[in-house]
Amino acid sequence: MRLVLAEDQFLLREGLTRLLELNEFEIVAAVGTGPELIKALAEHEPDVALVDIRMPPTHTDEGLRAVLDARRRRPGQPSLLLSQYVDQLYARELLADGEGGVGYLLKDRVFNSAQFIEALHQVAAGGTVMDPDVVSRMMSHNSQDQQISRLTDREREVLGYMAEGRSNAAVATAMVITEKAVAKHVNSILAKLDLPPSKDDNRRVMAVLTYLNRT
């Protein structure tokens, strides 16, 4: 899988490069500034981009802006962003185009390589992966939305786990219920959010985006 890596701290960038190569990613570019990232994304059109939000020259939101620019030029460009902070505005901008293939993880909450690599694969496949803290804050903000208010508390809990990128089996384990029960909740969520039948997993992604991408 071809990957563009953007991280301004040398040691972290080198460490990520080694970890990713061990997990069969091809690093087509590893850059340390926002302008370099814009150029790399345009040149390589990678299968997935792994991007620090705050990069030189201003250390504000260069990584995010580069990803948004790339997704305008190439809709759905899979991108997983890393941050030290929860920022709902950043998350909403990332979700705004409704294309999926996005992720927002907090650096200090990535606890193991398997979790991290799985998140990259899910984003590359068009899924949506959000840190639990981001999900929690956005859910709270959206709690009064009329469409979302149709969901039961249990269904909101399931949808929260879906937003974290968890499979039905993983949700069942977390909630200590059967996978069959999770499937029923998911079907109910999709119906209440008025998402039409589909032959692929797009309805699942759209359910997450519908929930999180509210203003």
N, C-alpha and C. Protein backbone atom coordinates (compact mmCIF):
# COMPACT_ATOMS: atom_id res chain seq x y z
N MET A 1 0.85 -1.19 0.00
CA MET A 1 0.00 0.00 0.00
C MET A 1 0.89 1.24 0.00
N ARG A 2 0.65 2.15 -0.93
CA ARG A 2 1.47 3.35 -1.09
C ARG A 2 1.01 4.43 -0.11
N LEU A 3 1.96 5.01 0.62
CA LEU A 3 1.61 5.95 1.69
C LEU A 3 2.50 7.19 1.65
N VAL A 4 1.90 8.36 1.84
CA VAL A 4 2.64 9.60 2.06
C VAL A 4 2.59 9.91 3.55
N LEU A 5 3.75 10.15 4.14
CA LEU A 5 3.87 10.45 5.56
C LEU A 5 4.29 11.90 5.75
N ALA A 6 3.56 12.61 6.61
CA ALA A 6 3.90 14.01 6.91
C ALA A 6 3.99 14.19 8.42
N GLU A 7 5.21 14.43 8.89
CA GLU A 7 5.47 14.63 10.32
C GLU A 7 6.75 15.46 10.43
N ASP A 8 6.66 16.59 11.16
CA ASP A 8 7.81 17.50 11.18
C ASP A 8 8.91 17.09 12.15
N GLN A 9 8.59 16.25 13.14
CA GLN A 9 9.63 15.82 14.09
C GLN A 9 10.42 14.65 13.49
N PHE A 10 11.71 14.85 13.32
CA PHE A 10 12.55 13.88 12.62
C PHE A 10 12.48 12.49 13.23
N LEU A 11 12.68 12.38 14.54
CA LEU A 11 12.71 11.06 15.17
C LEU A 11 11.37 10.34 15.03
N LEU A 12 10.28 11.07 15.19
CA LEU A 12 8.96 10.45 15.06
C LEU A 12 8.71 10.04 13.61
N ARG A 13 9.13 10.88 12.68
CA ARG A 13 8.96 10.54 11.26
C ARG A 13 9.74 9.28 10.90
N GLU A 14 10.98 9.18 11.39
CA GLU A 14 11.79 8.00 11.11
C GLU A 14 11.21 6.76 11.78
N GLY A 15 10.72 6.93 13.01
CA GLY A 15 10.13 5.79 13.70
C GLY A 15 8.88 5.29 13.01
N LEU A 16 8.03 6.21 12.56
CA LEU A 16 6.82 5.83 11.83
C LEU A 16 7.17 5.14 10.51
N THR A 17 8.19 5.67 9.85
CA THR A 17 8.62 5.06 8.58
C THR A 17 9.00 3.60 8.78
N ARG A 18 9.79 3.31 9.82
CA ARG A 18 10.22 1.93 10.09
C ARG A 18 9.02 1.05 10.44
N LEU A 19 8.12 1.56 11.27
CA LEU A 19 6.94 0.79 11.66
C LEU A 19 6.08 0.47 10.45
N LEU A 20 5.86 1.46 9.60
CA LEU A 20 5.00 1.27 8.43
C LEU A 20 5.63 0.30 7.43
N GLU A 21 6.93 0.42 7.22
CA GLU A 21 7.60 -0.49 6.29
C GLU A 21 7.56 -1.92 6.80
N LEU A 22 7.65 -2.11 8.10
CA LEU A 22 7.53 -3.45 8.68
C LEU A 22 6.15 -4.05 8.45
N ASN A 23 5.16 -3.17 8.26
CA ASN A 23 3.79 -3.63 8.04
C ASN A 23 3.37 -3.50 6.57
N GLU A 24 4.37 -3.53 5.69
CA GLU A 24 4.19 -3.66 4.25
C GLU A 24 3.57 -2.44 3.59
N PHE A 25 3.83 -1.27 4.16
CA PHE A 25 3.49 -0.03 3.49
C PHE A 25 4.70 0.43 2.69
N GLU A 26 4.46 0.99 1.51
CA GLU A 26 5.52 1.59 0.72
C GLU A 26 5.47 3.10 0.95
N ILE A 27 6.49 3.66 1.56
CA ILE A 27 6.52 5.09 1.85
C ILE A 27 7.01 5.81 0.58
N VAL A 28 6.09 6.40 -0.17
CA VAL A 28 6.47 7.06 -1.42
C VAL A 28 7.00 8.46 -1.18
N ALA A 29 6.70 9.03 0.00
CA ALA A 29 7.25 10.33 0.38
C ALA A 29 7.11 10.49 1.89
N ALA A 30 8.16 11.04 2.52
CA ALA A 30 8.12 11.35 3.95
C ALA A 30 8.59 12.79 4.08
N VAL A 31 7.67 13.68 4.46
CA VAL A 31 7.95 15.11 4.42
C VAL A 31 7.76 15.75 5.80
N GLY A 32 8.27 16.99 5.95
CA GLY A 32 8.24 17.64 7.25
C GLY A 32 7.58 19.00 7.27
N THR A 33 7.02 19.46 6.13
CA THR A 33 6.36 20.77 6.09
C THR A 33 5.07 20.70 5.28
N GLY A 34 4.20 21.69 5.50
CA GLY A 34 2.95 21.75 4.76
C GLY A 34 3.14 21.85 3.26
N PRO A 35 3.98 22.77 2.76
CA PRO A 35 4.19 22.87 1.30
C PRO A 35 4.72 21.57 0.68
N GLU A 36 5.63 20.89 1.39
CA GLU A 36 6.14 19.62 0.88
C GLU A 36 5.02 18.59 0.80
N LEU A 37 4.12 18.62 1.76
CA LEU A 37 3.00 17.67 1.77
C LEU A 37 2.07 17.91 0.59
N ILE A 38 1.74 19.17 0.34
CA ILE A 38 0.87 19.49 -0.81
C ILE A 38 1.48 18.93 -2.10
N LYS A 39 2.77 19.15 -2.27
CA LYS A 39 3.46 18.67 -3.47
C LYS A 39 3.45 17.14 -3.54
N ALA A 40 3.71 16.47 -2.41
CA ALA A 40 3.78 15.00 -2.39
C ALA A 40 2.42 14.38 -2.69
N LEU A 41 1.35 14.93 -2.14
CA LEU A 41 0.02 14.38 -2.38
C LEU A 41 -0.39 14.54 -3.84
N ALA A 42 -0.04 15.67 -4.43
CA ALA A 42 -0.38 15.90 -5.84
C ALA A 42 0.44 15.00 -6.76
N GLU A 43 1.70 14.80 -6.41
CA GLU A 43 2.59 14.02 -7.27
C GLU A 43 2.32 12.52 -7.18
N HIS A 44 2.08 12.01 -5.99
CA HIS A 44 2.02 10.56 -5.80
C HIS A 44 0.60 9.98 -5.75
N GLU A 45 -0.41 10.81 -5.38
CA GLU A 45 -1.78 10.31 -5.22
C GLU A 45 -1.77 8.96 -4.50
N PRO A 46 -1.35 8.95 -3.24
CA PRO A 46 -1.13 7.69 -2.52
C PRO A 46 -2.43 6.97 -2.17
N ASP A 47 -2.28 5.71 -1.79
CA ASP A 47 -3.43 4.94 -1.33
C ASP A 47 -3.95 5.49 -0.01
N VAL A 48 -3.06 6.06 0.79
CA VAL A 48 -3.45 6.67 2.06
C VAL A 48 -2.36 7.67 2.46
N ALA A 49 -2.79 8.74 3.15
CA ALA A 49 -1.85 9.71 3.68
C ALA A 49 -1.95 9.69 5.20
N LEU A 50 -0.78 9.75 5.86
CA LEU A 50 -0.71 9.83 7.32
C LEU A 50 -0.10 11.18 7.65
N VAL A 51 -0.89 12.04 8.28
CA VAL A 51 -0.54 13.45 8.34
C VAL A 51 -0.69 14.02 9.75
N ASP A 52 0.35 14.72 10.21
CA ASP A 52 0.25 15.51 11.44
C ASP A 52 -0.48 16.80 11.09
N ILE A 53 -1.47 17.18 11.91
CA ILE A 53 -2.26 18.37 11.60
C ILE A 53 -1.40 19.64 11.65
N ARG A 54 -0.59 19.78 12.71
CA ARG A 54 0.18 21.01 12.90
C ARG A 54 1.60 20.82 12.40
N MET A 55 1.93 21.56 11.32
CA MET A 55 3.24 21.42 10.69
C MET A 55 3.81 22.79 10.36
N PRO A 56 5.12 22.85 10.07
CA PRO A 56 5.72 24.12 9.62
C PRO A 56 5.09 24.54 8.28
N PRO A 57 5.06 25.84 7.97
CA PRO A 57 5.85 26.87 8.66
C PRO A 57 5.17 27.52 9.88
N THR A 58 3.86 27.43 10.04
CA THR A 58 3.22 28.15 11.15
C THR A 58 2.83 27.26 12.32
N HIS A 59 2.88 25.95 12.12
CA HIS A 59 2.50 24.99 13.16
C HIS A 59 1.06 25.20 13.64
N THR A 60 0.17 25.49 12.71
CA THR A 60 -1.26 25.62 13.05
C THR A 60 -2.04 24.47 12.45
N ASP A 61 -2.44 24.60 11.19
CA ASP A 61 -3.25 23.54 10.58
C ASP A 61 -2.79 23.20 9.15
N GLU A 62 -1.48 23.34 8.90
CA GLU A 62 -0.97 23.08 7.54
C GLU A 62 -1.29 21.68 7.04
N GLY A 63 -1.18 20.69 7.93
CA GLY A 63 -1.46 19.32 7.52
C GLY A 63 -2.91 19.14 7.09
N LEU A 64 -3.81 19.68 7.88
CA LEU A 64 -5.24 19.60 7.55
C LEU A 64 -5.52 20.30 6.24
N ARG A 65 -4.98 21.51 6.05
CA ARG A 65 -5.23 22.26 4.83
C ARG A 65 -4.72 21.52 3.60
N ALA A 66 -3.57 20.88 3.73
CA ALA A 66 -3.01 20.13 2.60
C ALA A 66 -3.92 18.95 2.24
N VAL A 67 -4.45 18.28 3.25
CA VAL A 67 -5.34 17.15 3.01
C VAL A 67 -6.64 17.62 2.36
N LEU A 68 -7.21 18.70 2.86
CA LEU A 68 -8.46 19.22 2.28
C LEU A 68 -8.24 19.62 0.82
N ASP A 69 -7.09 20.22 0.54
CA ASP A 69 -6.77 20.59 -0.85
C ASP A 69 -6.66 19.35 -1.72
N ALA A 70 -6.00 18.30 -1.20
CA ALA A 70 -5.85 17.06 -1.97
C ALA A 70 -7.20 16.40 -2.22
N ARG A 71 -8.11 16.47 -1.23
CA ARG A 71 -9.42 15.83 -1.38
C ARG A 71 -10.32 16.64 -2.32
N ARG A 72 -10.07 17.92 -2.49
CA ARG A 72 -10.81 18.69 -3.50
C ARG A 72 -10.35 18.29 -4.89
N ARG A 73 -9.05 18.08 -5.04
CA ARG A 73 -8.51 17.69 -6.34
C ARG A 73 -8.78 16.23 -6.65
N ARG A 74 -8.77 15.42 -5.62
CA ARG A 74 -8.98 13.98 -5.79
C ARG A 74 -9.98 13.53 -4.72
N PRO A 75 -11.27 13.65 -5.01
CA PRO A 75 -12.30 13.34 -4.00
C PRO A 75 -12.09 11.97 -3.37
N GLY A 76 -12.17 11.95 -2.04
CA GLY A 76 -12.03 10.69 -1.32
C GLY A 76 -10.60 10.28 -1.04
N GLN A 77 -9.62 11.17 -1.32
CA GLN A 77 -8.22 10.82 -1.00
C GLN A 77 -8.13 10.36 0.45
N PRO A 78 -7.86 9.06 0.69
CA PRO A 78 -7.83 8.54 2.06
C PRO A 78 -6.74 9.21 2.90
N SER A 79 -7.13 9.71 4.07
CA SER A 79 -6.19 10.47 4.89
C SER A 79 -6.49 10.25 6.37
N LEU A 80 -5.44 9.88 7.11
CA LEU A 80 -5.54 9.74 8.55
C LEU A 80 -4.71 10.83 9.19
N LEU A 81 -5.36 11.71 9.96
CA LEU A 81 -4.67 12.82 10.60
C LEU A 81 -4.38 12.52 12.06
N LEU A 82 -3.22 12.97 12.51
CA LEU A 82 -2.80 12.80 13.90
C LEU A 82 -2.73 14.16 14.57
N SER A 83 -3.11 14.21 15.84
CA SER A 83 -3.08 15.47 16.57
C SER A 83 -2.79 15.22 18.04
N GLN A 84 -2.33 16.25 18.71
CA GLN A 84 -2.17 16.19 20.16
C GLN A 84 -3.41 16.72 20.87
N TYR A 85 -4.35 17.27 20.11
CA TYR A 85 -5.49 17.94 20.71
C TYR A 85 -6.79 17.51 20.03
N VAL A 86 -7.90 17.58 20.78
CA VAL A 86 -9.23 17.40 20.20
C VAL A 86 -9.72 18.75 19.71
N ASP A 87 -10.02 18.85 18.43
CA ASP A 87 -10.55 20.09 17.87
C ASP A 87 -11.74 19.74 16.98
N GLN A 88 -12.95 20.06 17.44
CA GLN A 88 -14.14 19.70 16.68
C GLN A 88 -14.16 20.37 15.31
N LEU A 89 -13.65 21.59 15.22
CA LEU A 89 -13.65 22.28 13.93
C LEU A 89 -12.80 21.53 12.92
N TYR A 90 -11.61 21.07 13.35
CA TYR A 90 -10.77 20.29 12.44
C TYR A 90 -11.51 19.04 11.97
N ALA A 91 -12.13 18.33 12.91
CA ALA A 91 -12.84 17.10 12.58
C ALA A 91 -13.98 17.36 11.61
N ARG A 92 -14.72 18.43 11.83
CA ARG A 92 -15.85 18.75 10.96
C ARG A 92 -15.38 19.11 9.55
N GLU A 93 -14.29 19.87 9.46
CA GLU A 93 -13.77 20.20 8.13
C GLU A 93 -13.34 18.95 7.40
N LEU A 94 -12.75 18.02 8.12
CA LEU A 94 -12.29 16.77 7.51
C LEU A 94 -13.47 15.94 7.00
N LEU A 95 -14.59 15.98 7.72
CA LEU A 95 -15.76 15.18 7.38
C LEU A 95 -16.69 15.86 6.38
N ALA A 96 -16.48 17.14 6.13
CA ALA A 96 -17.48 17.96 5.45
C ALA A 96 -17.85 17.49 4.05
N ASP A 97 -16.90 16.88 3.31
CA ASP A 97 -17.24 16.51 1.93
C ASP A 97 -18.06 15.24 1.84
N GLY A 98 -18.20 14.51 2.96
CA GLY A 98 -19.05 13.32 2.97
C GLY A 98 -18.52 12.14 2.18
N GLU A 99 -17.23 12.16 1.83
CA GLU A 99 -16.66 11.11 0.98
C GLU A 99 -16.18 9.89 1.76
N GLY A 100 -15.99 10.01 3.07
CA GLY A 100 -15.38 8.91 3.81
C GLY A 100 -13.88 8.87 3.56
N GLY A 101 -13.24 7.78 4.00
CA GLY A 101 -11.80 7.67 3.83
C GLY A 101 -11.04 8.67 4.66
N VAL A 102 -11.53 8.92 5.89
CA VAL A 102 -10.87 9.90 6.76
C VAL A 102 -10.72 9.35 8.17
N GLY A 103 -9.71 9.87 8.88
CA GLY A 103 -9.50 9.48 10.26
C GLY A 103 -8.89 10.62 11.04
N TYR A 104 -9.16 10.65 12.34
CA TYR A 104 -8.62 11.69 13.23
C TYR A 104 -8.30 10.99 14.55
N LEU A 105 -7.01 10.79 14.81
CA LEU A 105 -6.58 10.12 16.03
C LEU A 105 -5.69 11.03 16.86
N LEU A 106 -5.81 10.92 18.18
CA LEU A 106 -4.92 11.64 19.08
C LEU A 106 -3.66 10.82 19.30
N LYS A 107 -2.52 11.47 19.19
CA LYS A 107 -1.24 10.76 19.25
C LYS A 107 -1.07 9.98 20.55
N ASP A 108 -1.45 10.58 21.67
CA ASP A 108 -1.21 9.92 22.95
C ASP A 108 -2.24 8.87 23.31
N ARG A 109 -3.18 8.60 22.37
CA ARG A 109 -4.17 7.55 22.62
C ARG A 109 -4.01 6.38 21.65
N VAL A 110 -2.95 6.39 20.85
CA VAL A 110 -2.63 5.24 20.02
C VAL A 110 -1.75 4.33 20.85
N PHE A 111 -2.32 3.24 21.34
CA PHE A 111 -1.64 2.43 22.35
C PHE A 111 -0.85 1.25 21.81
N ASN A 112 -1.12 0.82 20.57
CA ASN A 112 -0.37 -0.30 20.03
C ASN A 112 -0.35 -0.25 18.51
N SER A 113 0.63 -0.94 17.93
CA SER A 113 0.81 -0.88 16.48
C SER A 113 -0.34 -1.53 15.73
N ALA A 114 -0.91 -2.60 16.28
CA ALA A 114 -2.01 -3.28 15.59
C ALA A 114 -3.21 -2.35 15.43
N GLN A 115 -3.54 -1.61 16.48
CA GLN A 115 -4.63 -0.65 16.43
C GLN A 115 -4.36 0.42 15.38
N PHE A 116 -3.15 0.90 15.35
CA PHE A 116 -2.76 1.96 14.44
C PHE A 116 -2.81 1.50 12.98
N ILE A 117 -2.23 0.33 12.71
CA ILE A 117 -2.21 -0.20 11.35
C ILE A 117 -3.61 -0.52 10.87
N GLU A 118 -4.45 -1.05 11.75
CA GLU A 118 -5.84 -1.34 11.39
C GLU A 118 -6.57 -0.06 11.01
N ALA A 119 -6.33 1.02 11.75
CA ALA A 119 -6.97 2.30 11.43
C ALA A 119 -6.55 2.78 10.04
N LEU A 120 -5.27 2.64 9.71
CA LEU A 120 -4.81 3.05 8.38
C LEU A 120 -5.49 2.24 7.29
N HIS A 121 -5.60 0.93 7.50
CA HIS A 121 -6.25 0.08 6.49
C HIS A 121 -7.73 0.44 6.33
N GLN A 122 -8.39 0.74 7.43
CA GLN A 122 -9.81 1.11 7.35
C GLN A 122 -9.99 2.41 6.59
N VAL A 123 -9.15 3.39 6.86
CA VAL A 123 -9.24 4.66 6.15
C VAL A 123 -8.94 4.46 4.67
N ALA A 124 -7.91 3.68 4.36
CA ALA A 124 -7.54 3.41 2.97
C ALA A 124 -8.68 2.74 2.21
N ALA A 125 -9.49 1.95 2.93
CA ALA A 125 -10.61 1.25 2.30
C ALA A 125 -11.87 2.12 2.20
N GLY A 126 -11.75 3.40 2.63
CA GLY A 126 -12.90 4.31 2.53
C GLY A 126 -13.69 4.46 3.80
N GLY A 127 -13.21 3.86 4.90
CA GLY A 127 -13.91 3.95 6.17
C GLY A 127 -13.61 5.25 6.91
N THR A 128 -14.26 5.40 8.06
CA THR A 128 -14.09 6.58 8.89
C THR A 128 -13.66 6.14 10.29
N VAL A 129 -12.54 6.66 10.76
CA VAL A 129 -12.01 6.28 12.07
C VAL A 129 -11.77 7.55 12.89
N MET A 130 -12.45 7.64 14.03
CA MET A 130 -12.31 8.82 14.88
C MET A 130 -11.92 8.41 16.29
N ASP A 131 -11.06 9.20 16.92
CA ASP A 131 -10.70 8.97 18.31
C ASP A 131 -11.95 9.06 19.18
N PRO A 132 -12.07 8.22 20.21
CA PRO A 132 -13.25 8.26 21.08
C PRO A 132 -13.53 9.63 21.69
N ASP A 133 -12.50 10.40 22.03
CA ASP A 133 -12.72 11.73 22.60
C ASP A 133 -13.36 12.66 21.58
N VAL A 134 -12.92 12.56 20.32
CA VAL A 134 -13.50 13.37 19.25
C VAL A 134 -14.96 13.00 19.06
N VAL A 135 -15.22 11.70 19.01
CA VAL A 135 -16.59 11.21 18.85
C VAL A 135 -17.48 11.71 19.98
N SER A 136 -17.00 11.59 21.20
CA SER A 136 -17.78 11.99 22.37
C SER A 136 -18.17 13.46 22.31
N ARG A 137 -17.23 14.31 21.96
CA ARG A 137 -17.51 15.75 21.93
C ARG A 137 -18.46 16.10 20.80
N MET A 138 -18.30 15.44 19.66
CA MET A 138 -19.19 15.73 18.53
C MET A 138 -20.58 15.19 18.78
N MET A 139 -20.67 14.05 19.44
CA MET A 139 -21.98 13.52 19.79
C MET A 139 -22.73 14.47 20.71
N SER A 140 -22.03 15.00 21.69
CA SER A 140 -22.64 15.93 22.63
C SER A 140 -23.15 17.16 21.90
N HIS A 141 -22.38 17.65 20.95
CA HIS A 141 -22.76 18.83 20.18
C HIS A 141 -24.00 18.56 19.34
N ASN A 142 -24.13 17.31 18.86
CA ASN A 142 -25.23 16.97 17.95
C ASN A 142 -26.46 16.42 18.64
N SER A 143 -26.49 16.41 19.95
CA SER A 143 -27.52 15.68 20.67
C SER A 143 -28.93 16.19 20.41
N GLN A 144 -29.07 17.45 19.97
CA GLN A 144 -30.39 18.00 19.75
C GLN A 144 -30.86 17.89 18.30
N ASP A 145 -30.04 17.32 17.43
CA ASP A 145 -30.43 17.19 16.03
C ASP A 145 -31.68 16.32 15.90
N GLN A 146 -32.64 16.77 15.09
CA GLN A 146 -33.94 16.08 15.01
C GLN A 146 -33.80 14.65 14.51
N GLN A 147 -33.03 14.45 13.46
CA GLN A 147 -32.88 13.11 12.89
C GLN A 147 -32.15 12.19 13.86
N ILE A 148 -31.08 12.69 14.44
CA ILE A 148 -30.29 11.90 15.36
C ILE A 148 -31.09 11.57 16.63
N SER A 149 -32.01 12.45 16.99
CA SER A 149 -32.78 12.23 18.22
C SER A 149 -33.69 11.01 18.13
N ARG A 150 -33.85 10.47 16.94
CA ARG A 150 -34.64 9.24 16.77
C ARG A 150 -33.94 8.04 17.40
N LEU A 151 -32.63 8.12 17.54
CA LEU A 151 -31.86 6.97 18.02
C LEU A 151 -32.02 6.78 19.52
N THR A 152 -32.05 5.54 19.94
CA THR A 152 -32.06 5.24 21.37
C THR A 152 -30.65 5.44 21.93
N ASP A 153 -30.54 5.46 23.25
CA ASP A 153 -29.21 5.59 23.86
C ASP A 153 -28.32 4.44 23.44
N ARG A 154 -28.88 3.24 23.36
CA ARG A 154 -28.10 2.06 22.97
C ARG A 154 -27.61 2.20 21.54
N GLU A 155 -28.46 2.70 20.66
CA GLU A 155 -28.08 2.87 19.27
C GLU A 155 -27.00 3.95 19.13
N ARG A 156 -27.08 5.00 19.94
CA ARG A 156 -26.04 6.01 19.92
C ARG A 156 -24.70 5.42 20.36
N GLU A 157 -24.76 4.53 21.34
CA GLU A 157 -23.53 3.89 21.80
C GLU A 157 -22.92 3.04 20.69
N VAL A 158 -23.76 2.29 20.00
CA VAL A 158 -23.28 1.47 18.88
C VAL A 158 -22.68 2.36 17.80
N LEU A 159 -23.36 3.46 17.47
CA LEU A 159 -22.88 4.35 16.42
C LEU A 159 -21.56 5.01 16.83
N GLY A 160 -21.41 5.28 18.12
CA GLY A 160 -20.14 5.82 18.59
C GLY A 160 -19.00 4.87 18.34
N TYR A 161 -19.21 3.58 18.61
CA TYR A 161 -18.17 2.58 18.34
C TYR A 161 -17.92 2.45 16.84
N MET A 162 -18.99 2.56 16.04
CA MET A 162 -18.81 2.52 14.59
C MET A 162 -17.93 3.67 14.13
N ALA A 163 -18.11 4.84 14.75
CA ALA A 163 -17.32 6.01 14.37
C ALA A 163 -15.85 5.81 14.71
N GLU A 164 -15.57 4.98 15.69
CA GLU A 164 -14.18 4.67 16.05
C GLU A 164 -13.57 3.65 15.08
N GLY A 165 -14.39 3.16 14.14
CA GLY A 165 -13.90 2.22 13.14
C GLY A 165 -14.00 0.76 13.55
N ARG A 166 -14.80 0.47 14.58
CA ARG A 166 -14.89 -0.91 15.06
C ARG A 166 -15.87 -1.74 14.23
N SER A 167 -15.53 -3.00 14.04
CA SER A 167 -16.41 -3.95 13.36
C SER A 167 -17.54 -4.36 14.28
N ASN A 168 -18.54 -5.06 13.73
CA ASN A 168 -19.64 -5.55 14.57
C ASN A 168 -19.13 -6.45 15.69
N ALA A 169 -18.16 -7.27 15.36
CA ALA A 169 -17.61 -8.18 16.38
C ALA A 169 -16.94 -7.40 17.50
N ALA A 170 -16.19 -6.36 17.13
CA ALA A 170 -15.50 -5.54 18.14
C ALA A 170 -16.50 -4.76 18.99
N VAL A 171 -17.57 -4.28 18.35
CA VAL A 171 -18.61 -3.57 19.10
C VAL A 171 -19.28 -4.52 20.09
N ALA A 172 -19.56 -5.74 19.64
CA ALA A 172 -20.19 -6.74 20.52
C ALA A 172 -19.33 -7.02 21.74
N THR A 173 -18.03 -7.13 21.53
CA THR A 173 -17.11 -7.37 22.65
C THR A 173 -17.11 -6.20 23.62
N ALA A 174 -17.05 -4.98 23.09
CA ALA A 174 -17.02 -3.79 23.94
C ALA A 174 -18.29 -3.62 24.75
N MET A 175 -19.43 -3.97 24.16
CA MET A 175 -20.72 -3.76 24.82
C MET A 175 -21.22 -4.99 25.58
N VAL A 176 -20.46 -6.09 25.44
CA VAL A 176 -20.81 -7.37 26.08
C VAL A 176 -22.22 -7.80 25.65
N ILE A 177 -22.43 -7.80 24.33
CA ILE A 177 -23.67 -8.31 23.76
C ILE A 177 -23.29 -9.19 22.57
N THR A 178 -24.26 -9.83 21.96
CA THR A 178 -23.96 -10.71 20.83
C THR A 178 -23.76 -9.91 19.56
N GLU A 179 -23.04 -10.50 18.62
CA GLU A 179 -22.84 -9.86 17.33
C GLU A 179 -24.17 -9.70 16.59
N LYS A 180 -25.08 -10.65 16.81
CA LYS A 180 -26.40 -10.57 16.20
C LYS A 180 -27.16 -9.36 16.72
N ALA A 181 -27.03 -9.08 18.01
CA ALA A 181 -27.69 -7.91 18.60
C ALA A 181 -27.12 -6.63 18.01
N VAL A 182 -25.80 -6.59 17.81
CA VAL A 182 -25.17 -5.42 17.21
C VAL A 182 -25.71 -5.20 15.80
N ALA A 183 -25.82 -6.28 15.03
CA ALA A 183 -26.34 -6.18 13.66
C ALA A 183 -27.75 -5.59 13.64
N LYS A 184 -28.57 -5.99 14.62
CA LYS A 184 -29.93 -5.45 14.70
C LYS A 184 -29.90 -3.96 14.99
N HIS A 185 -29.03 -3.56 15.91
CA HIS A 185 -28.89 -2.14 16.23
C HIS A 185 -28.43 -1.35 15.00
N VAL A 186 -27.47 -1.89 14.27
CA VAL A 186 -26.95 -1.22 13.08
C VAL A 186 -28.04 -1.04 12.05
N ASN A 187 -28.82 -2.09 11.81
CA ASN A 187 -29.92 -1.99 10.85
C ASN A 187 -30.94 -0.94 11.26
N SER A 188 -31.22 -0.88 12.56
CA SER A 188 -32.16 0.12 13.07
C SER A 188 -31.60 1.53 12.89
N ILE A 189 -30.32 1.70 13.15
CA ILE A 189 -29.66 3.00 12.98
C ILE A 189 -29.77 3.46 11.53
N LEU A 190 -29.45 2.57 10.60
CA LEU A 190 -29.48 2.91 9.18
C LEU A 190 -30.89 3.31 8.74
N ALA A 191 -31.88 2.61 9.27
CA ALA A 191 -33.28 2.92 8.91
C ALA A 191 -33.68 4.28 9.48
N LYS A 192 -33.33 4.55 10.73
CA LYS A 192 -33.72 5.81 11.36
C LYS A 192 -33.01 7.02 10.76
N LEU A 193 -31.83 6.79 10.17
CA LEU A 193 -31.10 7.88 9.52
C LEU A 193 -31.48 8.01 8.05
N ASP A 194 -32.50 7.23 7.64
CA ASP A 194 -33.03 7.32 6.27
C ASP A 194 -31.99 7.04 5.20
N LEU A 195 -31.11 6.07 5.48
CA LEU A 195 -30.10 5.70 4.51
C LEU A 195 -30.61 4.55 3.66
N PRO A 196 -30.67 4.73 2.35
CA PRO A 196 -31.25 3.71 1.47
C PRO A 196 -30.40 2.45 1.40
N PRO A 197 -31.00 1.31 1.04
CA PRO A 197 -30.24 0.06 0.92
C PRO A 197 -29.08 0.20 -0.05
N SER A 198 -27.98 -0.50 0.24
CA SER A 198 -26.81 -0.48 -0.61
C SER A 198 -26.15 -1.85 -0.57
N LYS A 199 -25.45 -2.22 -1.66
CA LYS A 199 -24.80 -3.52 -1.74
C LYS A 199 -23.43 -3.54 -1.06
N ASP A 200 -22.93 -2.38 -0.67
CA ASP A 200 -21.60 -2.33 -0.06
C ASP A 200 -21.67 -1.72 1.33
N ASP A 201 -20.51 -1.39 1.89
CA ASP A 201 -20.44 -0.85 3.24
C ASP A 201 -20.66 0.65 3.29
N ASN A 202 -21.04 1.27 2.16
CA ASN A 202 -21.17 2.72 2.13
C ASN A 202 -22.21 3.23 3.13
N ARG A 203 -23.26 2.46 3.37
CA ARG A 203 -24.29 2.90 4.32
C ARG A 203 -23.70 3.06 5.72
N ARG A 204 -22.80 2.18 6.08
CA ARG A 204 -22.17 2.25 7.40
C ARG A 204 -21.35 3.52 7.53
N VAL A 205 -20.56 3.83 6.50
CA VAL A 205 -19.78 5.06 6.49
C VAL A 205 -20.69 6.27 6.54
N MET A 206 -21.75 6.26 5.73
CA MET A 206 -22.66 7.39 5.68
C MET A 206 -23.38 7.60 7.00
N ALA A 207 -23.66 6.51 7.72
CA ALA A 207 -24.29 6.65 9.04
C ALA A 207 -23.38 7.41 9.98
N VAL A 208 -22.10 7.06 9.96
CA VAL A 208 -21.13 7.75 10.82
C VAL A 208 -21.02 9.21 10.42
N LEU A 209 -20.94 9.48 9.11
CA LEU A 209 -20.81 10.86 8.64
C LEU A 209 -22.06 11.67 8.95
N THR A 210 -23.22 11.05 8.81
CA THR A 210 -24.47 11.74 9.14
C THR A 210 -24.48 12.15 10.59
N TYR A 211 -23.99 11.26 11.44
CA TYR A 211 -23.99 11.54 12.88
C TYR A 211 -22.98 12.61 13.26
N LEU A 212 -21.78 12.51 12.70
CA LEU A 212 -20.70 13.39 13.13
C LEU A 212 -20.66 14.71 12.38
N ASN A 213 -21.09 14.72 11.14
CA ASN A 213 -20.92 15.91 10.31
C ASN A 213 -22.15 16.81 10.38
N ARG A 214 -22.55 17.16 11.60
CA ARG A 214 -23.69 18.05 11.83
C ARG A 214 -23.19 19.38 12.34
N THR A 215 -23.84 20.45 11.96
CA THR A 215 -23.44 21.77 12.44
C THR A 215 -24.45 22.30 13.42
